[in-house]
């Protein structure tokens, strides 16, 4: 599956199939959250949160691709990501785009 952030793919004529999306809500465990809270006192990167968000983006992308495959898409164009805080230490990540088929 080809994923691009552009609205087209060079050299390809596209048939739009529709919007596809994938999302997940993830959190870190309470012990790591306490550690991250202490980290805010001294500064620095919150690596456990980075890991959580990377995993969430990967899972949201996988779910988006699965939805596109169910439409027999060849690619997804205009891929975007969004995130929102759901509650303390929990975030939703959504991946979305337009599923397309290549015209012969």
PDB file of N, CA and C in Angstrom:
ATOM      1  N   UNK A   1       0.850  -1.172   0.000  1.00  0.00           N
ATOM      2  CA  UNK A   1       0.000   0.000   0.000  1.00  0.00           C
ATOM      3  C   UNK A   1       0.898   1.238   0.000  1.00  0.00           C
ATOM      4  N   UNK A   2       0.618   2.135  -0.923  1.00  0.00           N
ATOM      5  CA  UNK A   2       1.362   3.398  -1.001  1.00  0.00           C
ATOM      6  C   UNK A   2       0.624   4.441  -0.164  1.00  0.00           C
ATOM      7  N   UNK A   3       1.355   5.122   0.703  1.00  0.00           N
ATOM      8  CA  UNK A   3       0.800   6.195   1.521  1.00  0.00           C
ATOM      9  C   UNK A   3       1.544   7.482   1.203  1.00  0.00           C
ATOM     10  N   UNK A   4       0.791   8.529   0.860  1.00  0.00           N
ATOM     11  CA  UNK A   4       1.426   9.819   0.571  1.00  0.00           C
ATOM     12  C   UNK A   4       0.624  10.942   1.217  1.00  0.00           C
ATOM     13  N   UNK A   5       1.297  12.037   1.509  1.00  0.00           N
ATOM     14  CA  UNK A   5       0.613  13.200   2.074  1.00  0.00           C
ATOM     15  C   UNK A   5       0.112  14.138   0.981  1.00  0.00           C
ATOM     16  N   UNK A   6       0.519  13.905  -0.245  1.00  0.00           N
ATOM     17  CA  UNK A   6       0.089  14.741  -1.364  1.00  0.00           C
ATOM     18  C   UNK A   6      -1.294  14.306  -1.844  1.00  0.00           C
ATOM     19  N   UNK A   7      -1.916  15.147  -2.687  1.00  0.00           N
ATOM     20  CA  UNK A   7      -3.249  14.802  -3.177  1.00  0.00           C
ATOM     21  C   UNK A   7      -3.221  13.993  -4.467  1.00  0.00           C
ATOM     22  N   UNK A   8      -2.035  13.600  -4.902  1.00  0.00           N
ATOM     23  CA  UNK A   8      -1.884  12.778  -6.092  1.00  0.00           C
ATOM     24  C   UNK A   8      -0.576  12.009  -6.050  1.00  0.00           C
ATOM     25  N   UNK A   9      -0.414  11.136  -7.036  1.00  0.00           N
ATOM     26  CA  UNK A   9       0.817  10.356  -7.175  1.00  0.00           C
ATOM     27  C   UNK A   9       1.305  10.576  -8.596  1.00  0.00           C
ATOM     28  N   UNK A  10       2.520  11.098  -8.735  1.00  0.00           N
ATOM     29  CA  UNK A  10       3.075  11.411 -10.052  1.00  0.00           C
ATOM     30  C   UNK A  10       2.959  10.229 -11.009  1.00  0.00           C
ATOM     31  N   UNK A  11       2.473  10.512 -12.215  1.00  0.00           N
ATOM     32  CA  UNK A  11       2.384   9.499 -13.256  1.00  0.00           C
ATOM     33  C   UNK A  11       1.200   8.561 -13.123  1.00  0.00           C
ATOM     34  N   UNK A  12       0.323   8.802 -12.167  1.00  0.00           N
ATOM     35  CA  UNK A  12      -0.826   7.920 -11.943  1.00  0.00           C
ATOM     36  C   UNK A  12      -2.124   8.718 -12.040  1.00  0.00           C
ATOM     37  N   UNK A  13      -3.100   8.125 -12.714  1.00  0.00           N
ATOM     38  CA  UNK A  13      -4.441   8.671 -12.717  1.00  0.00           C
ATOM     39  C   UNK A  13      -5.211   7.910 -11.642  1.00  0.00           C
ATOM     40  N   UNK A  14      -5.913   8.640 -10.786  1.00  0.00           N
ATOM     41  CA  UNK A  14      -6.508   8.031  -9.607  1.00  0.00           C
ATOM     42  C   UNK A  14      -8.028   8.058  -9.645  1.00  0.00           C
ATOM     43  N   UNK A  15      -8.612   6.997  -9.134  1.00  0.00           N
ATOM     44  CA  UNK A  15     -10.052   6.933  -8.903  1.00  0.00           C
ATOM     45  C   UNK A  15     -10.256   6.979  -7.390  1.00  0.00           C
ATOM     46  N   UNK A  16     -10.972   7.988  -6.925  1.00  0.00           N
ATOM     47  CA  UNK A  16     -11.196   8.153  -5.491  1.00  0.00           C
ATOM     48  C   UNK A  16     -12.228   7.135  -5.002  1.00  0.00           C
ATOM     49  N   UNK A  17     -11.905   6.440  -3.924  1.00  0.00           N
ATOM     50  CA  UNK A  17     -12.816   5.454  -3.348  1.00  0.00           C
ATOM     51  C   UNK A  17     -13.516   5.978  -2.099  1.00  0.00           C
ATOM     52  N   UNK A  18     -12.902   6.904  -1.417  1.00  0.00           N
ATOM     53  CA  UNK A  18     -13.505   7.468  -0.214  1.00  0.00           C
ATOM     54  C   UNK A  18     -12.508   7.608   0.921  1.00  0.00           C
ATOM     55  N   UNK A  19     -12.970   8.255   1.964  1.00  0.00           N
ATOM     56  CA  UNK A  19     -12.123   8.486   3.135  1.00  0.00           C
ATOM     57  C   UNK A  19     -11.961   7.193   3.933  1.00  0.00           C
ATOM     58  N   UNK A  20     -10.751   6.995   4.422  1.00  0.00           N
ATOM     59  CA  UNK A  20     -10.459   5.874   5.310  1.00  0.00           C
ATOM     60  C   UNK A  20      -9.784   6.430   6.558  1.00  0.00           C
ATOM     61  N   UNK A  21      -9.950   5.705   7.665  1.00  0.00           N
ATOM     62  CA  UNK A  21      -9.390   6.193   8.917  1.00  0.00           C
ATOM     63  C   UNK A  21      -9.020   5.033   9.814  1.00  0.00           C
ATOM     64  N   UNK A  22      -8.181   5.317  10.752  1.00  0.00           N
ATOM     65  CA  UNK A  22      -7.830   4.362  11.795  1.00  0.00           C
ATOM     66  C   UNK A  22      -7.524   5.159  13.042  1.00  0.00           C
ATOM     67  N   UNK A  23      -7.894   4.619  14.199  1.00  0.00           N
ATOM     68  CA  UNK A  23      -7.607   5.357  15.425  1.00  0.00           C
ATOM     69  C   UNK A  23      -7.348   4.401  16.578  1.00  0.00           C
ATOM     70  N   UNK A  24      -6.777   4.942  17.615  1.00  0.00           N
ATOM     71  CA  UNK A  24      -6.541   4.202  18.850  1.00  0.00           C
ATOM     72  C   UNK A  24      -6.450   5.192  19.997  1.00  0.00           C
ATOM     73  N   UNK A  25      -6.780   4.724  21.168  1.00  0.00           N
ATOM     74  CA  UNK A  25      -6.580   5.510  22.387  1.00  0.00           C
ATOM     75  C   UNK A  25      -5.622   4.711  23.261  1.00  0.00           C
ATOM     76  N   UNK A  26      -4.541   5.344  23.662  1.00  0.00           N
ATOM     77  CA  UNK A  26      -3.529   4.643  24.445  1.00  0.00           C
ATOM     78  C   UNK A  26      -3.119   5.467  25.652  1.00  0.00           C
ATOM     79  N   UNK A  27      -2.547   4.767  26.610  1.00  0.00           N
ATOM     80  CA  UNK A  27      -2.073   5.410  27.835  1.00  0.00           C
ATOM     81  C   UNK A  27      -0.800   4.698  28.291  1.00  0.00           C
ATOM     82  N   UNK A  28      -0.057   5.360  29.142  1.00  0.00           N
ATOM     83  CA  UNK A  28       1.083   4.703  29.784  1.00  0.00           C
ATOM     84  C   UNK A  28       0.617   4.229  31.147  1.00  0.00           C
ATOM     85  N   UNK A  29       1.343   3.272  31.735  1.00  0.00           N
ATOM     86  CA  UNK A  29       0.895   2.777  33.043  1.00  0.00           C
ATOM     87  C   UNK A  29       1.169   3.809  34.141  1.00  0.00           C
ATOM     88  N   UNK A  30       0.504   3.644  35.261  1.00  0.00           N
ATOM     89  CA  UNK A  30       0.545   4.626  36.344  1.00  0.00           C
ATOM     90  C   UNK A  30       1.952   4.850  36.886  1.00  0.00           C
ATOM     91  N   UNK A  31       2.755   3.794  37.012  1.00  0.00           N
ATOM     92  CA  UNK A  31       4.118   3.938  37.541  1.00  0.00           C
ATOM     93  C   UNK A  31       4.945   4.819  36.608  1.00  0.00           C
ATOM     94  N   UNK A  32       4.829   4.567  35.299  1.00  0.00           N
ATOM     95  CA  UNK A  32       5.577   5.392  34.337  1.00  0.00           C
ATOM     96  C   UNK A  32       5.067   6.822  34.339  1.00  0.00           C
ATOM     97  N   UNK A  33       3.752   6.999  34.569  1.00  0.00           N
ATOM     98  CA  UNK A  33       3.180   8.335  34.610  1.00  0.00           C
ATOM     99  C   UNK A  33       3.737   9.132  35.787  1.00  0.00           C
ATOM    100  N   UNK A  34       3.909   8.485  36.913  1.00  0.00           N
ATOM    101  CA  UNK A  34       4.503   9.147  38.084  1.00  0.00           C
ATOM    102  C   UNK A  34       5.938   9.559  37.765  1.00  0.00           C
ATOM    103  N   UNK A  35       6.674   8.650  37.117  1.00  0.00           N
ATOM    104  CA  UNK A  35       8.049   8.962  36.716  1.00  0.00           C
ATOM    105  C   UNK A  35       8.104  10.129  35.748  1.00  0.00           C
ATOM    106  N   UNK A  36       7.155  10.182  34.829  1.00  0.00           N
ATOM    107  CA  UNK A  36       7.113  11.291  33.874  1.00  0.00           C
ATOM    108  C   UNK A  36       6.785  12.596  34.585  1.00  0.00           C
ATOM    109  N   UNK A  37       5.909  12.521  35.582  1.00  0.00           N
ATOM    110  CA  UNK A  37       5.577  13.715  36.354  1.00  0.00           C
ATOM    111  C   UNK A  37       6.801  14.270  37.064  1.00  0.00           C
ATOM    112  N   UNK A  38       7.625  13.392  37.612  1.00  0.00           N
ATOM    113  CA  UNK A  38       8.867  13.832  38.248  1.00  0.00           C
ATOM    114  C   UNK A  38       9.833  14.411  37.223  1.00  0.00           C
ATOM    115  N   UNK A  39       9.832  13.860  36.028  1.00  0.00           N
ATOM    116  CA  UNK A  39      10.718  14.335  34.960  1.00  0.00           C
ATOM    117  C   UNK A  39      10.406  15.785  34.592  1.00  0.00           C
ATOM    118  N   UNK A  40       9.142  16.187  34.724  1.00  0.00           N
ATOM    119  CA  UNK A  40       8.792  17.564  34.389  1.00  0.00           C
ATOM    120  C   UNK A  40       9.447  18.569  35.322  1.00  0.00           C
ATOM    121  N   UNK A  41       9.856  18.119  36.501  1.00  0.00           N
ATOM    122  CA  UNK A  41      10.528  19.013  37.433  1.00  0.00           C
ATOM    123  C   UNK A  41      11.942  19.366  36.983  1.00  0.00           C
ATOM    124  N   UNK A  42      12.604  18.405  36.339  1.00  0.00           N
ATOM    125  CA  UNK A  42      13.996  18.618  35.936  1.00  0.00           C
ATOM    126  C   UNK A  42      14.147  18.840  34.435  1.00  0.00           C
ATOM    127  N   UNK A  43      13.112  18.566  33.673  1.00  0.00           N
ATOM    128  CA  UNK A  43      13.165  18.757  32.223  1.00  0.00           C
ATOM    129  C   UNK A  43      13.709  17.541  31.513  1.00  0.00           C
ATOM    130  N   UNK A  44      13.576  17.554  30.215  1.00  0.00           N
ATOM    131  CA  UNK A  44      14.084  16.460  29.394  1.00  0.00           C
ATOM    132  C   UNK A  44      12.975  15.763  28.635  1.00  0.00           C
ATOM    133  N   UNK A  45      13.383  14.830  27.830  1.00  0.00           N
ATOM    134  CA  UNK A  45      12.452  14.107  26.964  1.00  0.00           C
ATOM    135  C   UNK A  45      11.683  13.047  27.750  1.00  0.00           C
ATOM    136  N   UNK A  46      10.410  12.936  27.475  1.00  0.00           N
ATOM    137  CA  UNK A  46       9.562  11.920  28.102  1.00  0.00           C
ATOM    138  C   UNK A  46       9.505  10.715  27.162  1.00  0.00           C
ATOM    139  N   UNK A  47      10.505   9.869  27.253  1.00  0.00           N
ATOM    140  CA  UNK A  47      10.668   8.784  26.280  1.00  0.00           C
ATOM    141  C   UNK A  47       9.514   7.790  26.302  1.00  0.00           C
ATOM    142  N   UNK A  48       8.928   7.519  27.451  1.00  0.00           N
ATOM    143  CA  UNK A  48       7.801   6.573  27.519  1.00  0.00           C
ATOM    144  C   UNK A  48       6.593   7.130  26.769  1.00  0.00           C
ATOM    145  N   UNK A  49       6.398   8.443  26.851  1.00  0.00           N
ATOM    146  CA  UNK A  49       5.299   9.058  26.098  1.00  0.00           C
ATOM    147  C   UNK A  49       5.610   9.056  24.603  1.00  0.00           C
ATOM    148  N   UNK A  50       6.865   9.291  24.245  1.00  0.00           N
ATOM    149  CA  UNK A  50       7.251   9.194  22.833  1.00  0.00           C
ATOM    150  C   UNK A  50       6.975   7.799  22.302  1.00  0.00           C
ATOM    151  N   UNK A  51       7.360   6.788  23.078  1.00  0.00           N
ATOM    152  CA  UNK A  51       7.108   5.400  22.672  1.00  0.00           C
ATOM    153  C   UNK A  51       5.613   5.141  22.523  1.00  0.00           C
ATOM    154  N   UNK A  52       4.833   5.629  23.479  1.00  0.00           N
ATOM    155  CA  UNK A  52       3.382   5.443  23.423  1.00  0.00           C
ATOM    156  C   UNK A  52       2.805   6.070  22.161  1.00  0.00           C
ATOM    157  N   UNK A  53       3.211   7.292  21.846  1.00  0.00           N
ATOM    158  CA  UNK A  53       2.675   7.984  20.675  1.00  0.00           C
ATOM    159  C   UNK A  53       3.149   7.328  19.376  1.00  0.00           C
ATOM    160  N   UNK A  54       4.400   6.866  19.330  1.00  0.00           N
ATOM    161  CA  UNK A  54       4.880   6.158  18.145  1.00  0.00           C
ATOM    162  C   UNK A  54       4.079   4.888  17.917  1.00  0.00           C
ATOM    163  N   UNK A  55       3.824   4.141  18.996  1.00  0.00           N
ATOM    164  CA  UNK A  55       3.016   2.923  18.881  1.00  0.00           C
ATOM    165  C   UNK A  55       1.590   3.243  18.454  1.00  0.00           C
ATOM    166  N   UNK A  56       1.039   4.313  18.999  1.00  0.00           N
ATOM    167  CA  UNK A  56      -0.320   4.708  18.647  1.00  0.00           C
ATOM    168  C   UNK A  56      -0.417   5.105  17.177  1.00  0.00           C
ATOM    169  N   UNK A  57       0.557   5.863  16.663  1.00  0.00           N
ATOM    170  CA  UNK A  57       0.552   6.242  15.239  1.00  0.00           C
ATOM    171  C   UNK A  57       0.654   5.016  14.352  1.00  0.00           C
ATOM    172  N   UNK A  58       1.519   4.074  14.738  1.00  0.00           N
ATOM    173  CA  UNK A  58       1.684   2.851  13.946  1.00  0.00           C
ATOM    174  C   UNK A  58       0.387   2.042  13.914  1.00  0.00           C
ATOM    175  N   UNK A  59      -0.286   1.920  15.046  1.00  0.00           N
ATOM    176  CA  UNK A  59      -1.533   1.161  15.101  1.00  0.00           C
ATOM    177  C   UNK A  59      -2.643   1.870  14.327  1.00  0.00           C
ATOM    178  N   UNK A  60      -2.744   3.182  14.461  1.00  0.00           N
ATOM    179  CA  UNK A  60      -3.755   3.944  13.717  1.00  0.00           C
ATOM    180  C   UNK A  60      -3.511   3.818  12.213  1.00  0.00           C
ATOM    181  N   UNK A  61      -2.246   3.865  11.794  1.00  0.00           N
ATOM    182  CA  UNK A  61      -1.913   3.710  10.377  1.00  0.00           C
ATOM    183  C   UNK A  61      -2.296   2.317   9.892  1.00  0.00           C
ATOM    184  N   UNK A  62      -1.978   1.298  10.670  1.00  0.00           N
ATOM    185  CA  UNK A  62      -2.320  -0.081  10.308  1.00  0.00           C
ATOM    186  C   UNK A  62      -3.824  -0.229  10.115  1.00  0.00           C
ATOM    187  N   UNK A  63      -4.604   0.328  11.009  1.00  0.00           N
ATOM    188  CA  UNK A  63      -6.063   0.238  10.910  1.00  0.00           C
ATOM    189  C   UNK A  63      -6.595   0.995   9.704  1.00  0.00           C
ATOM    190  N   UNK A  64      -5.992   2.143   9.386  1.00  0.00           N
ATOM    191  CA  UNK A  64      -6.382   2.900   8.201  1.00  0.00           C
ATOM    192  C   UNK A  64      -6.099   2.087   6.941  1.00  0.00           C
ATOM    193  N   UNK A  65      -4.917   1.480   6.878  1.00  0.00           N
ATOM    194  CA  UNK A  65      -4.536   0.668   5.718  1.00  0.00           C
ATOM    195  C   UNK A  65      -5.481  -0.528   5.572  1.00  0.00           C
ATOM    196  N   UNK A  66      -5.829  -1.162   6.672  1.00  0.00           N
ATOM    197  CA  UNK A  66      -6.758  -2.296   6.614  1.00  0.00           C
ATOM    198  C   UNK A  66      -8.106  -1.879   6.042  1.00  0.00           C
ATOM    199  N   UNK A  67      -8.573  -0.697   6.434  1.00  0.00           N
ATOM    200  CA  UNK A  67      -9.843  -0.195   5.888  1.00  0.00           C
ATOM    201  C   UNK A  67      -9.715   0.055   4.395  1.00  0.00           C
ATOM    202  N   UNK A  68      -8.582   0.626   3.959  1.00  0.00           N
ATOM    203  CA  UNK A  68      -8.351   0.868   2.535  1.00  0.00           C
ATOM    204  C   UNK A  68      -8.262  -0.444   1.760  1.00  0.00           C
ATOM    205  N   UNK A  69      -7.609  -1.438   2.337  1.00  0.00           N
ATOM    206  CA  UNK A  69      -7.503  -2.742   1.674  1.00  0.00           C
ATOM    207  C   UNK A  69      -8.876  -3.388   1.505  1.00  0.00           C
ATOM    208  N   UNK A  70      -9.768  -3.169   2.456  1.00  0.00           N
ATOM    209  CA  UNK A  70     -11.117  -3.729   2.331  1.00  0.00           C
ATOM    210  C   UNK A  70     -11.874  -3.104   1.163  1.00  0.00           C
ATOM    211  N   UNK A  71     -11.448  -1.912   0.734  1.00  0.00           N
ATOM    212  CA  UNK A  71     -12.026  -1.252  -0.439  1.00  0.00           C
ATOM    213  C   UNK A  71     -11.266  -1.601  -1.718  1.00  0.00           C
ATOM    214  N   UNK A  72     -10.241  -2.453  -1.566  1.00  0.00           N
ATOM    215  CA  UNK A  72      -9.359  -2.837  -2.682  1.00  0.00           C
ATOM    216  C   UNK A  72      -8.590  -1.637  -3.247  1.00  0.00           C
ATOM    217  N   UNK A  73      -8.193  -0.750  -2.356  1.00  0.00           N
ATOM    218  CA  UNK A  73      -7.430   0.437  -2.751  1.00  0.00           C
ATOM    219  C   UNK A  73      -5.995   0.064  -3.077  1.00  0.00           C
ATOM    220  N   UNK A  74      -5.391   0.855  -3.953  1.00  0.00           N
ATOM    221  CA  UNK A  74      -3.979   0.700  -4.280  1.00  0.00           C
ATOM    222  C   UNK A  74      -3.102   1.631  -3.450  1.00  0.00           C
ATOM    223  N   UNK A  75      -3.704   2.717  -2.968  1.00  0.00           N
ATOM    224  CA  UNK A  75      -2.928   3.727  -2.241  1.00  0.00           C
ATOM    225  C   UNK A  75      -3.872   4.563  -1.379  1.00  0.00           C
ATOM    226  N   UNK A  76      -3.263   5.340  -0.498  1.00  0.00           N
ATOM    227  CA  UNK A  76      -3.998   6.334   0.279  1.00  0.00           C
ATOM    228  C   UNK A  76      -3.275   7.659   0.078  1.00  0.00           C
ATOM    229  N   UNK A  77      -4.014   8.659  -0.386  1.00  0.00           N
ATOM    230  CA  UNK A  77      -3.446   9.992  -0.599  1.00  0.00           C
ATOM    231  C   UNK A  77      -3.963  10.933   0.488  1.00  0.00           C
ATOM    232  N   UNK A  78      -3.322  12.077   0.598  1.00  0.00           N
ATOM    233  CA  UNK A  78      -3.698  13.106   1.586  1.00  0.00           C
ATOM    234  C   UNK A  78      -3.689  12.548   3.007  1.00  0.00           C
ATOM    235  N   UNK A  79      -2.714  11.716   3.342  1.00  0.00           N
ATOM    236  CA  UNK A  79      -2.647  11.121   4.680  1.00  0.00           C
ATOM    237  C   UNK A  79      -2.346  12.203   5.713  1.00  0.00           C
ATOM    238  N   UNK A  80      -3.116  12.187   6.782  1.00  0.00           N
ATOM    239  CA  UNK A  80      -2.943  13.135   7.876  1.00  0.00           C
ATOM    240  C   UNK A  80      -3.051  12.395   9.198  1.00  0.00           C
ATOM    241  N   UNK A  81      -2.490  12.991  10.233  1.00  0.00           N
ATOM    242  CA  UNK A  81      -2.590  12.462  11.593  1.00  0.00           C
ATOM    243  C   UNK A  81      -3.107  13.562  12.497  1.00  0.00           C
ATOM    244  N   UNK A  82      -3.895  13.162  13.483  1.00  0.00           N
ATOM    245  CA  UNK A  82      -4.320  14.106  14.515  1.00  0.00           C
ATOM    246  C   UNK A  82      -4.245  13.394  15.852  1.00  0.00           C
ATOM    247  N   UNK A  83      -4.100  14.170  16.893  1.00  0.00           N
ATOM    248  CA  UNK A  83      -4.089  13.587  18.232  1.00  0.00           C
ATOM    249  C   UNK A  83      -4.846  14.508  19.173  1.00  0.00           C
ATOM    250  N   UNK A  84      -5.402  13.898  20.200  1.00  0.00           N
ATOM    251  CA  UNK A  84      -6.150  14.659  21.189  1.00  0.00           C
ATOM    252  C   UNK A  84      -5.968  13.995  22.545  1.00  0.00           C
ATOM    253  N   UNK A  85      -5.899  14.807  23.567  1.00  0.00           N
ATOM    254  CA  UNK A  85      -5.825  14.296  24.929  1.00  0.00           C
ATOM    255  C   UNK A  85      -7.231  13.877  25.352  1.00  0.00           C
ATOM    256  N   UNK A  86      -7.351  12.651  25.820  1.00  0.00           N
ATOM    257  CA  UNK A  86      -8.647  12.132  26.247  1.00  0.00           C
ATOM    258  C   UNK A  86      -8.819  12.344  27.748  1.00  0.00           C
ATOM    259  N   UNK A  87      -7.776  12.058  28.478  1.00  0.00           N
ATOM    260  CA  UNK A  87      -7.724  12.263  29.920  1.00  0.00           C
ATOM    261  C   UNK A  87      -6.249  12.305  30.285  1.00  0.00           C
ATOM    262  N   UNK A  88      -5.933  12.549  31.532  1.00  0.00           N
ATOM    263  CA  UNK A  88      -4.536  12.599  31.919  1.00  0.00           C
ATOM    264  C   UNK A  88      -3.849  11.291  31.541  1.00  0.00           C
ATOM    265  N   UNK A  89      -2.758  11.398  30.828  1.00  0.00           N
ATOM    266  CA  UNK A  89      -1.921  10.265  30.420  1.00  0.00           C
ATOM    267  C   UNK A  89      -2.519   9.413  29.309  1.00  0.00           C
ATOM    268  N   UNK A  90      -3.623   9.838  28.704  1.00  0.00           N
ATOM    269  CA  UNK A  90      -4.224   9.077  27.611  1.00  0.00           C
ATOM    270  C   UNK A  90      -4.423   9.986  26.411  1.00  0.00           C
ATOM    271  N   UNK A  91      -4.145   9.458  25.232  1.00  0.00           N
ATOM    272  CA  UNK A  91      -4.291  10.238  24.015  1.00  0.00           C
ATOM    273  C   UNK A  91      -4.913   9.388  22.919  1.00  0.00           C
ATOM    274  N   UNK A  92      -5.743  10.029  22.102  1.00  0.00           N
ATOM    275  CA  UNK A  92      -6.261   9.391  20.892  1.00  0.00           C
ATOM    276  C   UNK A  92      -5.410   9.847  19.725  1.00  0.00           C
ATOM    277  N   UNK A  93      -5.047   8.924  18.876  1.00  0.00           N
ATOM    278  CA  UNK A  93      -4.349   9.239  17.634  1.00  0.00           C
ATOM    279  C   UNK A  93      -5.214   8.727  16.499  1.00  0.00           C
ATOM    280  N   UNK A  94      -5.431   9.588  15.496  1.00  0.00           N
ATOM    281  CA  UNK A  94      -6.205   9.203  14.323  1.00  0.00           C
ATOM    282  C   UNK A  94      -5.360   9.423  13.074  1.00  0.00           C
ATOM    283  N   UNK A  95      -5.399   8.445  12.183  1.00  0.00           N
ATOM    284  CA  UNK A  95      -4.790   8.561  10.859  1.00  0.00           C
ATOM    285  C   UNK A  95      -5.938   8.539   9.860  1.00  0.00           C
ATOM    286  N   UNK A  96      -5.888   9.433   8.867  1.00  0.00           N
ATOM    287  CA  UNK A  96      -6.960   9.446   7.876  1.00  0.00           C
ATOM    288  C   UNK A  96      -6.433   9.925   6.539  1.00  0.00           C
ATOM    289  N   UNK A  97      -7.146   9.571   5.496  1.00  0.00           N
ATOM    290  CA  UNK A  97      -6.769   9.952   4.143  1.00  0.00           C
ATOM    291  C   UNK A  97      -7.837   9.486   3.163  1.00  0.00           C
ATOM    292  N   UNK A  98      -7.510   9.580   1.881  1.00  0.00           N
ATOM    293  CA  UNK A  98      -8.434   9.176   0.833  1.00  0.00           C
ATOM    294  C   UNK A  98      -7.902   7.938   0.131  1.00  0.00           C
ATOM    295  N   UNK A  99      -8.704   6.870   0.144  1.00  0.00           N
ATOM    296  CA  UNK A  99      -8.334   5.633  -0.533  1.00  0.00           C
ATOM    297  C   UNK A  99      -8.548   5.826  -2.034  1.00  0.00           C
ATOM    298  N   UNK A 100      -7.590   5.348  -2.830  1.00  0.00           N
ATOM    299  CA  UNK A 100      -7.673   5.486  -4.277  1.00  0.00           C
ATOM    300  C   UNK A 100      -7.278   4.189  -4.972  1.00  0.00           C
ATOM    301  N   UNK A 101      -7.773   4.039  -6.185  1.00  0.00           N
ATOM    302  CA  UNK A 101      -7.376   2.961  -7.088  1.00  0.00           C
ATOM    303  C   UNK A 101      -6.670   3.587  -8.268  1.00  0.00           C
ATOM    304  N   UNK A 102      -5.697   2.880  -8.809  1.00  0.00           N
ATOM    305  CA  UNK A 102      -5.004   3.352 -10.002  1.00  0.00           C
ATOM    306  C   UNK A 102      -5.862   3.039 -11.218  1.00  0.00           C
ATOM    307  N   UNK A 103      -6.045   4.022 -12.094  1.00  0.00           N
ATOM    308  CA  UNK A 103      -6.731   3.776 -13.368  1.00  0.00           C
ATOM    309  C   UNK A 103      -5.706   3.241 -14.356  1.00  0.00           C
ATOM    310  N   UNK A 104      -6.139   2.301 -15.147  1.00  0.00           N
ATOM    311  CA  UNK A 104      -5.217   1.694 -16.128  1.00  0.00           C
ATOM    312  C   UNK A 104      -4.931   2.601 -17.294  1.00  0.00           C
TER     313      UNK A 104
END
